[in-house]
């Protein structure tokens, strides 16, 4: 059993409430997404890349798909790609916005 599959199993044992697994696309190493899909997580989040290629598979398995986005443009693209919602994270969140200079990621309301 993979590490993520074990973490999902343990989380399910601790709660009957829905929970989200939030994976970083840029550092996926193999079976993490498959483990989430196979476990039919209630909610899947992704960050650090284009989430649109994963929407159809998540929905096919009954998984709500809520990616984390770092700009208005990413939020619009994700919404147009069929996600259920987005988690908006600004440049002041204290993380590397996947190696894009913060000044180029300024967001303003549409």
N, C-alpha and C. Protein backbone atom coordinates (compact mmCIF):
# COMPACT_ATOMS: atom_id res chain seq x y z
N UNK A 1 0.85 -1.17 0.00
CA UNK A 1 0.00 0.00 0.00
C UNK A 1 0.90 1.24 0.00
N UNK A 2 0.59 2.21 -0.85
CA UNK A 2 1.40 3.42 -0.93
C UNK A 2 1.19 4.29 0.31
N UNK A 3 2.09 5.21 0.52
CA UNK A 3 2.00 6.11 1.66
C UNK A 3 0.69 6.90 1.63
N UNK A 4 0.34 7.44 0.48
CA UNK A 4 -0.89 8.23 0.40
C UNK A 4 -2.12 7.37 0.63
N UNK A 5 -2.12 6.16 0.11
CA UNK A 5 -3.25 5.26 0.34
C UNK A 5 -3.39 4.95 1.83
N UNK A 6 -2.27 4.77 2.51
CA UNK A 6 -2.29 4.52 3.95
C UNK A 6 -2.79 5.75 4.71
N UNK A 7 -2.37 6.94 4.29
CA UNK A 7 -2.84 8.16 4.95
C UNK A 7 -4.35 8.35 4.75
N UNK A 8 -4.85 8.04 3.58
CA UNK A 8 -6.28 8.12 3.33
C UNK A 8 -7.03 7.12 4.21
N UNK A 9 -6.52 5.91 4.29
CA UNK A 9 -7.15 4.88 5.12
C UNK A 9 -7.20 5.33 6.58
N UNK A 10 -6.09 5.87 7.08
CA UNK A 10 -6.02 6.31 8.48
C UNK A 10 -6.96 7.49 8.74
N UNK A 11 -7.05 8.41 7.78
CA UNK A 11 -7.94 9.56 7.94
C UNK A 11 -9.39 9.09 7.98
N UNK A 12 -9.73 8.16 7.11
CA UNK A 12 -11.11 7.62 7.13
C UNK A 12 -11.45 6.96 8.45
N UNK A 13 -10.46 6.35 9.07
CA UNK A 13 -10.70 5.70 10.36
C UNK A 13 -10.94 6.73 11.47
N UNK A 14 -10.47 7.95 11.26
CA UNK A 14 -10.59 8.98 12.28
C UNK A 14 -11.83 9.86 12.15
N UNK A 15 -12.44 9.88 10.97
CA UNK A 15 -13.58 10.77 10.77
C UNK A 15 -14.57 10.20 9.77
N UNK A 16 -15.81 10.57 9.97
CA UNK A 16 -16.83 10.24 8.97
C UNK A 16 -17.14 11.47 8.12
N UNK A 17 -16.46 12.56 8.41
CA UNK A 17 -16.64 13.81 7.67
C UNK A 17 -15.84 13.78 6.37
N UNK A 18 -16.26 14.57 5.38
CA UNK A 18 -15.47 14.67 4.14
C UNK A 18 -14.11 15.31 4.44
N UNK A 19 -13.10 14.93 3.69
CA UNK A 19 -11.78 15.53 3.83
C UNK A 19 -11.14 15.65 2.45
N UNK A 20 -10.13 16.49 2.37
CA UNK A 20 -9.47 16.80 1.11
C UNK A 20 -8.03 16.35 1.15
N UNK A 21 -7.55 15.75 0.08
CA UNK A 21 -6.12 15.52 -0.12
C UNK A 21 -5.66 16.58 -1.11
N UNK A 22 -4.63 17.31 -0.76
CA UNK A 22 -4.14 18.39 -1.61
C UNK A 22 -2.72 18.05 -2.04
N UNK A 23 -2.54 17.72 -3.30
CA UNK A 23 -1.25 17.28 -3.83
C UNK A 23 -0.63 18.37 -4.70
N UNK A 24 0.69 18.41 -4.71
CA UNK A 24 1.41 19.36 -5.55
C UNK A 24 1.77 18.67 -6.85
N UNK A 25 1.19 19.15 -7.94
CA UNK A 25 1.36 18.51 -9.25
C UNK A 25 2.84 18.36 -9.62
N UNK A 26 3.61 19.41 -9.38
CA UNK A 26 5.02 19.42 -9.81
C UNK A 26 5.88 18.36 -9.13
N UNK A 27 5.44 17.83 -8.00
CA UNK A 27 6.29 16.84 -7.30
C UNK A 27 5.64 15.46 -7.20
N UNK A 28 4.58 15.23 -7.98
CA UNK A 28 4.00 13.89 -7.99
C UNK A 28 5.05 12.89 -8.44
N UNK A 29 5.10 11.75 -7.78
CA UNK A 29 6.15 10.79 -8.07
C UNK A 29 5.64 9.46 -8.63
N UNK A 30 4.38 9.35 -8.86
CA UNK A 30 3.91 8.09 -9.40
C UNK A 30 2.45 7.82 -9.15
N UNK A 31 2.17 7.12 -8.06
CA UNK A 31 0.82 6.61 -7.85
C UNK A 31 -0.07 7.47 -6.95
N UNK A 32 0.38 8.66 -6.57
CA UNK A 32 -0.41 9.47 -5.64
C UNK A 32 -1.81 9.77 -6.17
N UNK A 33 -1.91 10.22 -7.41
CA UNK A 33 -3.23 10.52 -7.98
C UNK A 33 -4.07 9.26 -8.13
N UNK A 34 -3.47 8.20 -8.59
CA UNK A 34 -4.20 6.94 -8.74
C UNK A 34 -4.72 6.46 -7.39
N UNK A 35 -3.92 6.61 -6.34
CA UNK A 35 -4.36 6.21 -5.01
C UNK A 35 -5.55 7.04 -4.56
N UNK A 36 -5.52 8.34 -4.85
CA UNK A 36 -6.65 9.21 -4.49
C UNK A 36 -7.89 8.84 -5.29
N UNK A 37 -7.71 8.61 -6.58
CA UNK A 37 -8.85 8.22 -7.41
C UNK A 37 -9.42 6.87 -6.97
N UNK A 38 -8.53 5.91 -6.74
CA UNK A 38 -8.98 4.57 -6.35
C UNK A 38 -9.70 4.58 -4.99
N UNK A 39 -9.26 5.46 -4.09
CA UNK A 39 -9.87 5.56 -2.77
C UNK A 39 -11.19 6.33 -2.82
N UNK A 40 -11.48 6.92 -3.97
CA UNK A 40 -12.69 7.73 -4.12
C UNK A 40 -12.82 8.74 -2.98
N UNK A 41 -11.75 9.52 -2.85
CA UNK A 41 -11.76 10.59 -1.85
C UNK A 41 -13.01 11.45 -2.00
N UNK A 42 -13.48 12.03 -0.93
CA UNK A 42 -14.62 12.94 -1.08
C UNK A 42 -14.25 14.18 -1.88
N UNK A 43 -13.03 14.68 -1.64
CA UNK A 43 -12.57 15.92 -2.27
C UNK A 43 -11.10 15.77 -2.62
N UNK A 44 -10.72 16.23 -3.81
CA UNK A 44 -9.33 16.23 -4.23
C UNK A 44 -8.93 17.64 -4.60
N UNK A 45 -7.78 18.06 -4.11
CA UNK A 45 -7.22 19.35 -4.48
C UNK A 45 -5.85 19.13 -5.11
N UNK A 46 -5.48 20.00 -6.00
CA UNK A 46 -4.15 19.97 -6.60
C UNK A 46 -3.62 21.39 -6.61
N UNK A 47 -2.30 21.53 -6.64
CA UNK A 47 -1.66 22.84 -6.68
C UNK A 47 -0.38 22.74 -7.50
N UNK A 48 0.01 23.84 -8.09
CA UNK A 48 1.31 23.91 -8.75
C UNK A 48 1.31 23.41 -10.17
N UNK A 49 0.23 23.58 -10.86
CA UNK A 49 0.14 23.15 -12.25
C UNK A 49 -1.30 23.23 -12.74
N UNK A 50 -1.50 22.82 -13.95
CA UNK A 50 -2.82 22.87 -14.57
C UNK A 50 -3.67 21.71 -14.08
N UNK A 51 -4.76 21.97 -13.37
CA UNK A 51 -5.58 20.89 -12.84
C UNK A 51 -6.56 20.30 -13.86
N UNK A 52 -6.77 20.99 -14.98
CA UNK A 52 -7.82 20.59 -15.92
C UNK A 52 -7.70 19.17 -16.44
N UNK A 53 -6.51 18.62 -16.66
CA UNK A 53 -6.46 17.23 -17.16
C UNK A 53 -7.01 16.18 -16.20
N UNK A 54 -7.22 16.56 -14.94
CA UNK A 54 -7.64 15.59 -13.93
C UNK A 54 -9.12 15.71 -13.56
N UNK A 55 -9.81 16.73 -14.05
CA UNK A 55 -11.19 16.99 -13.66
C UNK A 55 -12.13 15.84 -14.05
N UNK A 56 -12.07 15.41 -15.28
CA UNK A 56 -13.00 14.39 -15.77
C UNK A 56 -12.88 13.09 -14.97
N UNK A 57 -11.66 12.66 -14.68
CA UNK A 57 -11.47 11.42 -13.92
C UNK A 57 -11.99 11.57 -12.50
N UNK A 58 -11.74 12.71 -11.88
CA UNK A 58 -12.25 12.93 -10.53
C UNK A 58 -13.78 12.86 -10.53
N UNK A 59 -14.40 13.56 -11.46
CA UNK A 59 -15.87 13.57 -11.51
C UNK A 59 -16.43 12.20 -11.87
N UNK A 60 -15.75 11.47 -12.74
CA UNK A 60 -16.20 10.13 -13.10
C UNK A 60 -16.28 9.23 -11.87
N UNK A 61 -15.40 9.48 -10.92
CA UNK A 61 -15.36 8.67 -9.70
C UNK A 61 -16.14 9.29 -8.54
N UNK A 62 -16.87 10.37 -8.82
CA UNK A 62 -17.69 10.98 -7.78
C UNK A 62 -16.92 11.85 -6.80
N UNK A 63 -15.74 12.30 -7.20
CA UNK A 63 -14.88 13.10 -6.33
C UNK A 63 -15.07 14.58 -6.66
N UNK A 64 -15.31 15.40 -5.64
CA UNK A 64 -15.33 16.85 -5.83
C UNK A 64 -13.89 17.30 -6.07
N UNK A 65 -13.71 18.20 -7.02
CA UNK A 65 -12.36 18.62 -7.39
C UNK A 65 -12.21 20.10 -7.12
N UNK A 66 -11.32 20.45 -6.18
CA UNK A 66 -11.14 21.83 -5.74
C UNK A 66 -9.65 22.16 -5.74
N UNK A 67 -9.11 22.62 -6.87
CA UNK A 67 -7.69 22.94 -6.91
C UNK A 67 -7.38 24.26 -6.23
N UNK A 68 -6.14 24.41 -5.84
CA UNK A 68 -5.64 25.66 -5.27
C UNK A 68 -5.03 26.46 -6.41
N UNK A 69 -5.39 27.73 -6.51
CA UNK A 69 -4.90 28.58 -7.59
C UNK A 69 -4.19 29.80 -7.01
N UNK A 70 -3.32 30.39 -7.81
CA UNK A 70 -2.51 31.50 -7.33
C UNK A 70 -2.79 32.81 -8.06
N UNK A 71 -3.77 32.82 -8.94
CA UNK A 71 -4.10 34.05 -9.65
C UNK A 71 -5.53 33.99 -10.15
N UNK A 72 -6.04 35.14 -10.52
CA UNK A 72 -7.38 35.20 -11.09
C UNK A 72 -7.41 34.40 -12.39
N UNK A 73 -6.37 34.53 -13.21
CA UNK A 73 -6.32 33.79 -14.49
C UNK A 73 -6.38 32.29 -14.26
N UNK A 74 -5.66 31.79 -13.26
CA UNK A 74 -5.71 30.36 -12.95
C UNK A 74 -7.10 29.95 -12.46
N UNK A 75 -7.73 30.81 -11.67
CA UNK A 75 -9.08 30.50 -11.18
C UNK A 75 -10.07 30.42 -12.33
N UNK A 76 -9.97 31.36 -13.26
CA UNK A 76 -10.87 31.37 -14.41
C UNK A 76 -10.65 30.12 -15.26
N UNK A 77 -9.39 29.79 -15.53
CA UNK A 77 -9.08 28.60 -16.34
C UNK A 77 -9.59 27.33 -15.66
N UNK A 78 -9.40 27.24 -14.35
CA UNK A 78 -9.87 26.06 -13.61
C UNK A 78 -11.40 25.97 -13.66
N UNK A 79 -12.06 27.11 -13.46
CA UNK A 79 -13.53 27.12 -13.51
C UNK A 79 -14.03 26.72 -14.89
N UNK A 80 -13.40 27.24 -15.92
CA UNK A 80 -13.79 26.88 -17.28
C UNK A 80 -13.50 25.41 -17.57
N UNK A 81 -12.55 24.83 -16.83
CA UNK A 81 -12.22 23.42 -16.99
C UNK A 81 -13.13 22.48 -16.22
N UNK A 82 -14.09 23.04 -15.46
CA UNK A 82 -15.09 22.21 -14.82
C UNK A 82 -14.88 21.87 -13.36
N UNK A 83 -13.93 22.52 -12.68
CA UNK A 83 -13.73 22.21 -11.27
C UNK A 83 -14.96 22.60 -10.46
N UNK A 84 -15.08 22.05 -9.27
CA UNK A 84 -16.25 22.32 -8.43
C UNK A 84 -16.13 23.63 -7.66
N UNK A 85 -14.92 24.03 -7.35
CA UNK A 85 -14.62 25.28 -6.64
C UNK A 85 -13.12 25.47 -6.73
N UNK A 86 -12.63 26.59 -6.25
CA UNK A 86 -11.18 26.80 -6.18
C UNK A 86 -10.81 27.30 -4.78
N UNK A 87 -9.60 27.01 -4.39
CA UNK A 87 -9.00 27.58 -3.19
C UNK A 87 -8.04 28.65 -3.70
N UNK A 88 -8.30 29.90 -3.36
CA UNK A 88 -7.46 31.01 -3.84
C UNK A 88 -6.37 31.29 -2.83
N UNK A 89 -5.12 31.23 -3.29
CA UNK A 89 -3.98 31.51 -2.42
C UNK A 89 -3.18 32.64 -3.03
N UNK A 90 -3.01 33.69 -2.28
CA UNK A 90 -2.26 34.84 -2.77
C UNK A 90 -0.77 34.71 -2.55
N UNK A 91 -0.05 35.68 -3.05
CA UNK A 91 1.41 35.64 -2.99
C UNK A 91 1.94 35.85 -1.57
N UNK A 92 1.14 36.30 -0.65
CA UNK A 92 1.59 36.51 0.72
C UNK A 92 1.40 35.28 1.60
N UNK A 93 1.10 34.15 1.00
CA UNK A 93 0.84 32.93 1.77
C UNK A 93 2.12 32.31 2.32
N UNK A 94 3.27 32.78 1.87
CA UNK A 94 4.52 32.29 2.42
C UNK A 94 5.08 31.06 1.73
N UNK A 95 4.61 30.77 0.53
CA UNK A 95 5.15 29.63 -0.20
C UNK A 95 5.67 30.09 -1.55
N UNK A 96 6.52 29.30 -2.13
CA UNK A 96 7.01 29.56 -3.47
C UNK A 96 5.86 29.29 -4.43
N UNK A 97 5.39 30.30 -5.09
CA UNK A 97 4.27 30.13 -6.01
C UNK A 97 4.78 29.47 -7.29
N UNK A 98 5.35 28.31 -7.12
CA UNK A 98 6.02 27.48 -8.12
C UNK A 98 6.95 28.27 -9.02
N UNK A 99 7.86 28.96 -8.31
CA UNK A 99 9.01 29.63 -8.93
C UNK A 99 8.64 30.76 -9.88
N UNK A 100 7.52 31.40 -9.67
CA UNK A 100 7.16 32.57 -10.45
C UNK A 100 7.37 33.78 -9.57
N UNK A 101 8.10 34.78 -10.03
CA UNK A 101 8.36 35.94 -9.19
C UNK A 101 7.05 36.55 -8.67
N UNK A 102 6.98 36.86 -7.35
CA UNK A 102 5.75 37.35 -6.77
C UNK A 102 5.17 38.58 -7.47
N UNK A 103 5.99 39.47 -7.92
CA UNK A 103 5.45 40.68 -8.56
C UNK A 103 4.69 40.38 -9.83
N UNK A 104 4.98 39.26 -10.47
CA UNK A 104 4.27 38.93 -11.70
C UNK A 104 2.97 38.19 -11.43
N UNK A 105 2.69 37.88 -10.15
CA UNK A 105 1.51 37.13 -9.80
C UNK A 105 0.48 37.98 -9.07
N UNK A 106 0.61 39.28 -9.13
CA UNK A 106 -0.36 40.14 -8.45
C UNK A 106 -1.74 39.92 -9.06
N UNK A 107 -2.71 39.85 -8.19
CA UNK A 107 -4.09 39.63 -8.63
C UNK A 107 -4.93 40.84 -8.26
N UNK A 108 -5.87 41.11 -9.07
CA UNK A 108 -6.86 42.15 -8.73
C UNK A 108 -8.22 41.58 -9.10
N UNK A 109 -9.26 42.08 -8.46
CA UNK A 109 -10.59 41.56 -8.79
C UNK A 109 -10.89 41.74 -10.26
N UNK A 110 -11.60 40.78 -10.85
CA UNK A 110 -11.91 40.89 -12.28
C UNK A 110 -12.85 42.04 -12.56
